[in-house]
Structure formats: structure tokens, C-alpha cells
Amino acid sequence: MNFVDDDSDDELPPGWEERVATDGSVYYANHLTKNTQWTHPRTGRKKKVAGTLPFGWERVVSSNGEVVYVNHEDESTTYTDPRLAFAVEEKEHANDYRQRFDASSTALGVLVGRDLSGRIAVITGANSGIGFETARSLAKHGCTVIFACRNLSAAEEAIEKIRTEERLNIADNCVAIHLDLVSLASDGLEMTFQVNHLSQFYLTLLLDPLLILGSRVVIVSSESHSLTMDNIEPLTLSPDTSRHYWDMTAYNNSKLCNVLFGRQLAKNLQNRGISVFSLHPGNMVATKLSRNWWLYKLLFAFVRPFTKSLQQASATSVYCATAPDVIGVTGVYFNNCCPCQESDAARNDEMARTLWNVSIDMIKNIFGSNASGLDKKLIKPEKYFIRRNFDESE
């Protein structure tokens, strides 16, 4: 991935102005010479804006022909197209990348100026923590968000919280469904592995037929994936006795599985125009992760003043799911909204293939060799997962 120059080069010389053509292309007007051009006068690059105005904005033509932009959220008006603030450079190569966000960025900050109307996101664990902030941020910008949660009432309460907190009635964009990622534990699998990896793996297979050109699969991993195993074996992934088990190791291993899964999935989907990203949200973020581990409770309490807020921890997930910067990119690991190199184990293609095959075998052992999704022909989700069906009117 190539990095281009920073935003300091983006300032216009005196006498220049940015404008937007009808097709969304940005052009530059020189008021001194009365000339226009398509390339930036300093960088020589071209830009485009999103095809739609930011969520809540409207373009109005007055009776005398003047174009005015109205922000219905705060009732302000301007003569400047608000999309210009978020114009994106046209890339020479798909992997060209300019870092516009960092560790202090928030999910809502990443989405400033974006209208996600018509987009649909399925978010597991959307009732709390990073999942909730991700869901709230996407919904606030017009995205239809499916809160896929084990506790349906908790998901509905989360949606109601959004309804009471937000000025715009964005809760209308939110739907709660029951999604149980824990039930596989009753089949003898270690809880952390099956919740963090295997259930997510199978859910993705079930949703595969619904993924279209331009869809994105975003997998939340962790930097702790580097503190892990160096081989893929069923006993390592899901220990059968306490002698082979330590909860911290199980968590780290599951996070490596996330990155390896993303790596192999990206390869499998690369010819369909579907992007796959894995990411690190932040260190020791205040989520419910620590509720069952006394050591984590102690560590979280100690480092909390120095860690990201939930809004900051959600930024990279939202970035990977929506940013125009990464169109055409896949199989990349992100940290702080920036592509980063994974551990040696996470870049091991053989381990990624092995994990995929072992995961398929585990699903077959639970549901049988004809389980939905294994032949890429989904039909209806198994009883362990989505337990609410939508009729055509929904």
C-alpha cells in the first residue's frame, strides 16, 4: 500500500476556489486569470465528491436561480457544497492511501459528511460497547442497521436508547434480531474460540449469498493476535481439558483466528469485488470483555484513563465499513484507521488455509456434512443463529 503526501499540500494558492461539476468531479477556478482546470494547482491531482449530499442536507434552488445548501439538523444554510470538505482524490493505483484519521479519531468524525442511506449493516453484539457505538454512528448517517444480538431485549433497549438520545429519529433505521453466537458451546467447544471465531465464521458463510459487488466484511480482531500459537490444531483452538487451557491464551488465539479468517476470506472473495478487512479497535477499551475475568477487571480499571473511548474504538470499524479510500482494497489489517502489518503467523497463508478447513470440519461435526452455507447455497440460517425471519414487507 502506497502512502501519498499529507493534507498540507492540499491548501489552495491565493485567488483559487474549489467547485463541483454536475458529475461530482471537483474543478478549480482561478479568479485572477479567470481560468478553470481539473487538477489541483499544487498537487496536480484530481478529486471527486460523493454522489449524494451529507445526511440531513438538501440542495435548494432559489427563485432567482441561486443554489443554496440547507442543513436540516441545525437549520443552517451555505452557498458552498458541503461535499467539498470531504472530497477524495482519484487514485492512480487501488492501494494508494492517505491517512486522514488516527488514534484520536471517532466513529462520528470518520463519518462527517457521509450519507449512508440505502446501505445495510449487520453488526453482531450491537447492544453494547464498540458494537453499539458502531451501530449508532452508522444509523445516524442513514444506514439501516441490524442489531444481531444474543439478548433480543437488550438489542431493543439499545435501539430505544438511540431513539431517546438523538435529535433525528434515526432509530427507525434500526432493527433487532436474535443471533446466538454462544450456543455452539453446548457442543463441547471452548467458549472464547467459538464465540470470537467459529460462530462468526459460520455466520459469514450463511450470509455469503447476500454479499454483492462492493460489500464489505469487517472483522474486529486485536493486536494481541501476535501473542499466539504457531500452528493450527483442533486441540489448540478448542482445548478439551483445563490442563491445556488459559483464558488469556484462548482470547489471543481467537484474535489470530480472526485475522487468518479475514486473510483467507479475502482470497476466496477477491474475484467478486467484495472487500474483507480485519482490525484492532484499541488497547484495553472499556467494554464487557472484562466482566468474567478477574485479571482483566484489574487491568481495565488501572489503564482506563489512558485508553480510547468507545467512540474512538469504533472509528476503525466504521472506517473499514464505509471509507471511500479503501474501495478496491481487500485483505488488509487496520489499526487507527491505517493499514498495518500483521504478525508473522497472521501472514501465514498455510495457517489461514488450515484454519479454514478445520473450521469447516467443526461445522460439519456439529450440523452434519450438508449444513447450510458449506456449499455456498444459503437458504435459511440454522437454529443456533438467526431466530427471526423477515417477510417481504420488512
Protein backbone atom coordinates (compact mmCIF):
# COMPACT_ATOMS: atom_id res chain seq x y z
CA MET A 1 0.00 0.00 0.00
CA ASN A 2 1.40 3.36 -1.06
CA PHE A 3 1.13 6.48 1.09
CA VAL A 4 0.61 9.85 -0.60
CA ASP A 5 1.56 13.25 0.74
CA ASP A 6 -0.23 14.76 3.73
CA ASP A 7 -3.00 17.37 3.73
CA SER A 8 -0.61 20.34 3.98
CA ASP A 9 -0.17 20.17 0.19
CA ASP A 10 -3.92 20.44 -0.26
CA GLU A 11 -4.17 24.16 0.51
CA LEU A 12 -5.10 26.29 -2.47
CA PRO A 13 -2.93 29.24 -3.57
CA PRO A 14 -4.42 32.73 -3.13
CA GLY A 15 -7.17 33.52 -5.63
CA TRP A 16 -8.20 29.91 -6.22
CA GLU A 17 -11.54 28.27 -5.42
CA GLU A 18 -12.86 24.69 -5.44
CA ARG A 19 -16.12 23.94 -7.22
CA VAL A 20 -18.12 20.82 -8.05
CA ALA A 21 -19.27 19.77 -11.52
CA THR A 22 -22.59 18.01 -12.08
CA ASP A 23 -20.90 14.58 -12.21
CA GLY A 24 -19.20 15.11 -8.83
CA SER A 25 -15.79 15.98 -10.23
CA VAL A 26 -14.00 18.83 -8.48
CA TYR A 27 -12.58 21.63 -10.59
CA TYR A 28 -10.52 24.67 -9.67
CA ALA A 29 -11.28 28.27 -10.60
CA ASN A 30 -8.53 30.89 -10.70
CA HIS A 31 -10.18 34.26 -10.06
CA LEU A 32 -7.02 36.12 -11.05
CA THR A 33 -6.75 34.67 -14.55
CA LYS A 34 -10.43 33.69 -14.97
CA ASN A 35 -9.39 30.16 -15.90
CA THR A 36 -10.52 26.74 -14.63
CA GLN A 37 -8.80 23.35 -14.52
CA TRP A 38 -9.49 19.81 -13.29
CA THR A 39 -6.22 19.29 -11.42
CA HIS A 40 -5.26 20.78 -8.07
CA PRO A 41 -2.93 23.76 -8.74
CA ARG A 42 -0.35 22.48 -6.24
CA THR A 43 -0.59 18.69 -6.15
CA GLY A 44 -1.63 18.12 -9.75
CA ARG A 45 -4.17 15.54 -8.56
CA LYS A 46 -7.86 15.21 -9.35
CA LYS A 47 -10.69 14.93 -6.83
CA LYS A 48 -14.29 13.76 -6.71
CA VAL A 49 -17.08 14.19 -4.17
CA ALA A 50 -19.70 11.67 -3.08
CA GLY A 51 -22.70 11.44 -5.35
CA THR A 52 -25.12 12.39 -2.57
CA LEU A 53 -25.15 15.23 -0.09
CA PRO A 54 -24.31 14.50 3.56
CA PHE A 55 -27.15 13.05 5.62
CA GLY A 56 -29.62 15.80 6.56
CA TRP A 57 -28.54 18.22 3.80
CA GLU A 58 -30.61 19.45 0.85
CA ARG A 59 -29.76 21.40 -2.30
CA VAL A 60 -32.28 24.19 -2.89
CA VAL A 61 -32.53 26.50 -5.90
CA SER A 62 -34.00 29.89 -5.01
CA SER A 63 -36.44 31.83 -7.18
CA ASN A 64 -33.59 33.91 -8.60
CA GLY A 65 -31.59 30.83 -9.54
CA GLU A 66 -29.12 30.82 -6.63
CA VAL A 67 -28.11 27.42 -5.29
CA VAL A 68 -28.25 27.14 -1.50
CA TYR A 69 -27.39 24.14 0.68
CA VAL A 70 -29.59 23.62 3.76
CA ASN A 71 -28.57 21.59 6.81
CA HIS A 72 -31.86 20.43 8.33
CA GLU A 73 -30.16 19.22 11.51
CA ASP A 74 -29.22 22.73 12.66
CA GLU A 75 -31.21 24.75 10.07
CA SER A 76 -28.06 26.47 8.75
CA THR A 77 -27.50 27.41 5.10
CA THR A 78 -24.46 27.92 2.90
CA TYR A 79 -23.61 28.62 -0.73
CA THR A 80 -20.72 26.12 -0.60
CA ASP A 81 -21.35 22.50 -1.48
CA PRO A 82 -20.72 20.67 1.83
CA ARG A 83 -19.28 17.70 -0.01
CA LEU A 84 -16.17 19.72 -0.87
CA ALA A 85 -14.96 19.33 2.71
CA PHE A 86 -14.74 15.58 2.13
CA ALA A 87 -13.64 15.36 -1.48
CA VAL A 88 -11.47 12.32 -2.17
CA GLU A 89 -8.52 12.22 -4.52
CA GLU A 90 -8.80 9.98 -7.53
CA LYS A 91 -6.26 7.20 -7.08
CA GLU A 92 -3.68 6.27 -9.65
CA HIS A 93 -3.47 2.84 -8.01
CA ALA A 94 -6.04 1.00 -5.88
CA ASN A 95 -3.60 0.72 -2.98
CA ASP A 96 -2.64 4.40 -2.82
CA TYR A 97 -3.54 5.57 0.66
CA ARG A 98 -3.63 8.88 2.53
CA GLN A 99 -4.05 8.65 6.30
CA ARG A 100 -6.78 11.11 7.26
CA PHE A 101 -7.57 9.70 10.72
CA ASP A 102 -5.58 8.48 13.72
CA ALA A 103 -5.92 7.12 17.26
CA SER A 104 -7.87 10.16 18.44
CA SER A 105 -10.46 9.96 15.66
CA THR A 106 -14.03 8.97 16.48
CA ALA A 107 -16.57 6.97 14.52
CA LEU A 108 -18.74 10.04 14.07
CA GLY A 109 -15.68 12.00 12.98
CA VAL A 110 -14.92 9.42 10.30
CA LEU A 111 -18.49 9.73 9.03
CA VAL A 112 -18.72 13.53 8.89
CA GLY A 113 -20.34 14.50 5.61
CA ARG A 114 -21.39 10.95 4.69
CA ASP A 115 -24.89 9.84 3.70
CA LEU A 116 -25.27 6.08 4.10
CA SER A 117 -28.92 5.93 3.05
CA GLY A 118 -29.62 2.68 1.21
CA ARG A 119 -26.75 0.83 2.93
CA ILE A 120 -27.40 -2.14 5.23
CA ALA A 121 -25.08 -3.26 8.03
CA VAL A 122 -25.35 -6.39 10.18
CA ILE A 123 -23.48 -5.87 13.45
CA THR A 124 -23.03 -8.65 16.00
CA GLY A 125 -23.09 -7.55 19.63
CA ALA A 126 -24.58 -4.20 18.67
CA ASN A 127 -26.36 -3.72 22.00
CA SER A 128 -23.27 -2.59 23.93
CA GLY A 129 -19.68 -1.39 23.78
CA ILE A 130 -17.93 -0.95 20.45
CA GLY A 131 -20.78 -2.67 18.63
CA PHE A 132 -23.32 -0.17 19.97
CA GLU A 133 -21.22 2.88 19.10
CA THR A 134 -20.59 1.48 15.63
CA ALA A 135 -24.30 0.84 15.11
CA ARG A 136 -25.36 4.24 16.48
CA SER A 137 -22.84 6.08 14.30
CA LEU A 138 -23.88 4.28 11.12
CA ALA A 139 -27.59 4.72 11.82
CA LYS A 140 -27.09 8.43 12.49
CA HIS A 141 -25.85 8.77 8.91
CA GLY A 142 -28.80 6.97 7.32
CA CYS A 143 -27.56 3.37 7.27
CA THR A 144 -30.07 0.61 8.05
CA VAL A 145 -28.50 -1.31 10.94
CA ILE A 146 -29.43 -4.82 12.03
CA PHE A 147 -28.62 -5.30 15.72
CA ALA A 148 -27.70 -9.01 15.77
CA CYS A 149 -27.61 -9.88 19.46
CA ARG A 150 -27.99 -12.91 21.70
CA ASN A 151 -30.25 -10.95 24.05
CA LEU A 152 -33.10 -9.60 21.93
CA SER A 153 -34.49 -7.41 24.70
CA ALA A 154 -31.04 -5.84 25.21
CA ALA A 155 -30.89 -5.07 21.49
CA GLU A 156 -34.32 -3.46 21.62
CA GLU A 157 -33.29 -1.42 24.68
CA ALA A 158 -30.19 -0.23 22.80
CA ILE A 159 -32.36 0.92 19.90
CA GLU A 160 -34.69 2.71 22.32
CA LYS A 161 -31.66 4.43 23.85
CA ILE A 162 -30.75 5.75 20.41
CA ARG A 163 -34.32 6.88 19.93
CA THR A 164 -34.30 8.98 23.11
CA GLU A 165 -30.79 10.43 22.70
CA GLU A 166 -30.69 11.52 19.07
CA ARG A 167 -32.43 14.60 17.64
CA LEU A 168 -33.22 12.92 14.33
CA ASN A 169 -35.39 9.82 14.51
CA ILE A 170 -32.58 7.56 13.39
CA ALA A 171 -33.90 4.63 15.44
CA ASP A 172 -36.26 3.98 12.53
CA ASN A 173 -33.14 2.74 10.71
CA CYS A 174 -32.50 0.08 13.39
CA VAL A 175 -33.82 -3.48 13.57
CA ALA A 176 -33.18 -6.02 16.34
CA ILE A 177 -32.84 -9.74 15.62
CA HIS A 178 -31.88 -12.67 17.81
CA LEU A 179 -28.45 -14.05 16.96
CA ASP A 180 -26.98 -16.59 19.36
CA LEU A 181 -23.22 -16.94 18.98
CA VAL A 182 -22.87 -18.90 22.22
CA SER A 183 -24.99 -21.99 21.58
CA LEU A 184 -22.18 -23.90 19.90
CA ALA A 185 -20.54 -24.18 23.32
CA SER A 186 -23.09 -26.83 24.18
CA ASP A 187 -21.44 -28.96 21.51
CA GLY A 188 -18.22 -29.21 23.51
CA LEU A 189 -16.33 -26.28 22.00
CA GLU A 190 -14.32 -23.80 24.06
CA MET A 191 -16.44 -20.68 24.58
CA THR A 192 -13.95 -17.97 23.55
CA PHE A 193 -12.95 -19.75 20.35
CA GLN A 194 -16.48 -20.49 19.24
CA VAL A 195 -17.88 -17.01 20.01
CA ASN A 196 -14.95 -14.99 18.64
CA HIS A 197 -14.19 -17.14 15.61
CA LEU A 198 -16.24 -20.21 14.74
CA SER A 199 -19.70 -18.66 15.08
CA GLN A 200 -18.57 -15.58 13.15
CA PHE A 201 -17.04 -17.84 10.52
CA TYR A 202 -20.25 -19.80 10.05
CA LEU A 203 -22.43 -16.69 10.09
CA THR A 204 -20.32 -15.26 7.25
CA LEU A 205 -20.81 -18.45 5.24
CA LEU A 206 -24.56 -18.21 5.78
CA LEU A 207 -24.62 -14.58 4.66
CA ASP A 208 -22.34 -15.21 1.67
CA PRO A 209 -25.15 -15.33 -0.93
CA LEU A 210 -26.31 -11.88 0.21
CA LEU A 211 -22.93 -10.25 -0.41
CA ILE A 212 -22.93 -8.24 -3.62
CA LEU A 213 -20.33 -6.27 -5.56
CA GLY A 214 -18.98 -3.59 -3.21
CA SER A 215 -19.98 -5.35 0.01
CA ARG A 216 -17.53 -5.32 2.90
CA VAL A 217 -16.84 -7.82 5.66
CA VAL A 218 -15.21 -6.21 8.71
CA ILE A 219 -13.71 -8.44 11.40
CA VAL A 220 -12.76 -6.99 14.78
CA SER A 221 -9.53 -8.62 15.95
CA SER A 222 -6.81 -7.29 18.26
CA GLU A 223 -3.09 -6.58 18.39
CA SER A 224 -2.96 -9.48 20.86
CA HIS A 225 -3.18 -11.76 17.82
CA SER A 226 0.63 -11.55 17.77
CA LEU A 227 0.90 -13.28 21.18
CA THR A 228 -0.32 -16.60 19.97
CA MET A 229 0.08 -20.14 18.71
CA ASP A 230 2.28 -21.01 15.75
CA ASN A 231 0.17 -23.86 14.41
CA ILE A 232 -3.48 -24.70 13.79
CA GLU A 233 -4.78 -27.83 15.51
CA PRO A 234 -8.24 -28.55 16.94
CA LEU A 235 -6.77 -29.19 20.40
CA THR A 236 -5.02 -25.83 20.34
CA LEU A 237 -8.10 -23.98 19.12
CA SER A 238 -10.54 -25.64 21.49
CA PRO A 239 -8.73 -27.42 24.38
CA ASP A 240 -10.61 -30.41 25.78
CA THR A 241 -9.19 -30.17 29.31
CA SER A 242 -8.21 -27.40 31.70
CA ARG A 243 -4.63 -28.66 31.52
CA HIS A 244 -4.37 -27.16 28.02
CA TYR A 245 -6.36 -24.01 28.78
CA TRP A 246 -5.68 -20.47 29.94
CA ASP A 247 -8.29 -17.82 29.24
CA MET A 248 -5.78 -15.19 28.07
CA THR A 249 -4.21 -17.62 25.60
CA ALA A 250 -7.65 -18.62 24.35
CA TYR A 251 -8.53 -14.99 23.72
CA ASN A 252 -5.27 -14.23 21.90
CA ASN A 253 -5.61 -17.35 19.76
CA SER A 254 -9.16 -16.40 18.81
CA LYS A 255 -7.93 -12.98 17.68
CA LEU A 256 -5.31 -14.62 15.47
CA CYS A 257 -8.11 -16.73 14.02
CA ASN A 258 -9.94 -13.51 13.17
CA VAL A 259 -7.02 -12.19 11.11
CA LEU A 260 -6.33 -15.54 9.43
CA PHE A 261 -10.02 -15.92 8.60
CA GLY A 262 -10.07 -12.44 7.07
CA ARG A 263 -6.96 -13.25 5.04
CA GLN A 264 -8.41 -16.43 3.56
CA LEU A 265 -11.88 -14.95 3.07
CA ALA A 266 -10.36 -12.05 1.12
CA LYS A 267 -8.67 -14.55 -1.21
CA ASN A 268 -11.90 -16.51 -1.65
CA LEU A 269 -13.94 -13.39 -2.48
CA GLN A 270 -11.39 -11.36 -4.42
CA ASN A 271 -12.94 -12.12 -7.81
CA ARG A 272 -16.39 -10.97 -6.66
CA GLY A 273 -15.45 -7.39 -5.79
CA ILE A 274 -16.09 -7.89 -2.07
CA SER A 275 -13.65 -6.34 0.42
CA VAL A 276 -12.57 -8.00 3.66
CA PHE A 277 -10.78 -6.19 6.48
CA SER A 278 -9.62 -7.14 9.97
CA LEU A 279 -8.69 -4.57 12.57
CA HIS A 280 -7.53 -3.64 16.05
CA PRO A 281 -10.01 -1.30 17.81
CA GLY A 282 -7.72 -0.16 20.61
CA ASN A 283 -5.99 -1.42 23.73
CA MET A 284 -7.96 -2.26 26.88
CA VAL A 285 -11.11 -0.44 25.76
CA ALA A 286 -13.83 -0.26 28.43
CA THR A 287 -16.19 -2.96 27.14
CA LYS A 288 -17.86 -6.00 28.70
CA LEU A 289 -14.85 -8.11 27.74
CA SER A 290 -13.58 -7.94 31.32
CA ARG A 291 -16.78 -8.96 33.07
CA ASN A 292 -15.80 -12.62 33.60
CA TRP A 293 -12.02 -12.39 34.06
CA TRP A 294 -10.77 -11.00 37.38
CA LEU A 295 -7.33 -10.22 35.93
CA TYR A 296 -8.89 -8.22 33.10
CA LYS A 297 -11.10 -6.36 35.57
CA LEU A 298 -7.98 -5.25 37.43
CA LEU A 299 -6.09 -4.30 34.27
CA PHE A 300 -9.03 -2.42 32.77
CA ALA A 301 -9.54 -0.40 35.94
CA PHE A 302 -5.85 0.56 36.01
CA VAL A 303 -5.43 1.60 32.37
CA ARG A 304 -8.87 3.06 31.67
CA PRO A 305 -7.77 6.72 31.96
CA PHE A 306 -5.20 6.10 29.20
CA THR A 307 -7.32 4.16 26.71
CA LYS A 308 -9.65 5.07 23.88
CA SER A 309 -13.27 5.99 24.40
CA LEU A 310 -15.85 3.71 22.81
CA GLN A 311 -16.39 6.29 20.07
CA GLN A 312 -12.67 6.27 19.31
CA ALA A 313 -12.51 2.48 19.48
CA SER A 314 -15.33 2.28 16.91
CA ALA A 315 -13.60 4.58 14.42
CA THR A 316 -11.57 1.92 12.62
CA SER A 317 -14.57 -0.41 12.26
CA VAL A 318 -16.63 2.40 10.78
CA TYR A 319 -13.74 3.46 8.55
CA CYS A 320 -13.27 -0.04 7.14
CA ALA A 321 -17.02 -0.39 6.58
CA THR A 322 -17.61 2.93 4.83
CA ALA A 323 -14.49 4.83 3.74
CA PRO A 324 -14.20 5.53 0.00
CA ASP A 325 -10.41 5.50 0.48
CA VAL A 326 -10.37 1.68 0.55
CA ILE A 327 -12.61 0.93 -2.42
CA GLY A 328 -10.92 -1.86 -4.37
CA VAL A 329 -8.72 -2.82 -1.41
CA THR A 330 -9.08 -6.15 0.42
CA GLY A 331 -7.24 -8.47 2.80
CA VAL A 332 -5.73 -5.61 4.83
CA TYR A 333 -5.33 -5.31 8.61
CA PHE A 334 -6.05 -1.85 10.08
CA ASN A 335 -5.11 -0.08 13.30
CA ASN A 336 -6.11 3.55 14.00
CA CYS A 337 -7.75 3.76 10.55
CA CYS A 338 -4.39 2.97 8.95
CA PRO A 339 -3.18 -0.21 7.22
CA CYS A 340 -0.66 -2.07 9.38
CA GLN A 341 1.39 -5.22 9.13
CA GLU A 342 0.08 -8.25 10.98
CA SER A 343 2.22 -10.74 12.88
CA ASP A 344 4.23 -13.36 11.01
CA ALA A 345 1.67 -16.03 11.95
CA ALA A 346 -1.20 -13.87 10.70
CA ARG A 347 0.50 -13.58 7.29
CA ASN A 348 0.97 -17.33 7.01
CA ASP A 349 -1.18 -18.46 4.08
CA GLU A 350 -0.81 -22.11 5.01
CA MET A 351 -2.15 -21.45 8.52
CA ALA A 352 -5.04 -19.46 7.02
CA ARG A 353 -6.00 -22.34 4.72
CA THR A 354 -5.67 -24.85 7.54
CA LEU A 355 -7.86 -22.78 9.85
CA TRP A 356 -10.49 -22.53 7.13
CA ASN A 357 -10.54 -26.30 6.61
CA VAL A 358 -10.54 -27.08 10.34
CA SER A 359 -13.41 -24.64 10.85
CA ILE A 360 -15.40 -26.28 8.06
CA ASP A 361 -14.82 -29.69 9.65
CA MET A 362 -16.01 -28.41 13.03
CA ILE A 363 -19.20 -27.02 11.49
CA LYS A 364 -19.80 -30.36 9.76
CA ASN A 365 -19.32 -32.21 13.05
CA ILE A 366 -21.99 -30.04 14.67
CA PHE A 367 -24.58 -29.68 11.90
CA GLY A 368 -23.70 -32.51 9.55
CA SER A 369 -21.95 -32.53 6.19
CA ASN A 370 -24.95 -30.93 4.47
CA ALA A 371 -25.11 -27.90 6.78
CA SER A 372 -26.37 -24.69 5.20
CA GLY A 373 -23.65 -22.44 3.85
CA LEU A 374 -20.97 -25.06 3.35
CA ASP A 375 -21.91 -25.42 -0.30
CA LYS A 376 -22.30 -21.63 -0.68
CA LYS A 377 -26.06 -22.03 -1.21
CA LEU A 378 -27.72 -20.41 1.75
CA ILE A 379 -31.06 -20.86 2.38
CA LYS A 380 -32.12 -20.35 5.84
CA PRO A 381 -29.94 -19.93 8.88
CA GLU A 382 -29.62 -22.80 11.31
CA LYS A 383 -31.50 -22.81 14.62
CA TYR A 384 -28.39 -21.76 16.52
CA PHE A 385 -28.29 -18.39 14.83
CA ILE A 386 -30.93 -16.03 13.48
CA ARG A 387 -34.30 -16.83 15.01
CA ARG A 388 -36.39 -14.11 13.50
CA ASN A 389 -37.43 -14.26 9.88
CA PHE A 390 -38.31 -11.19 7.84
CA ASP A 391 -41.25 -11.28 5.47
CA GLU A 392 -41.08 -9.41 2.19
CA SER A 393 -42.71 -6.30 3.64
CA GLU A 394 -39.84 -5.88 6.09
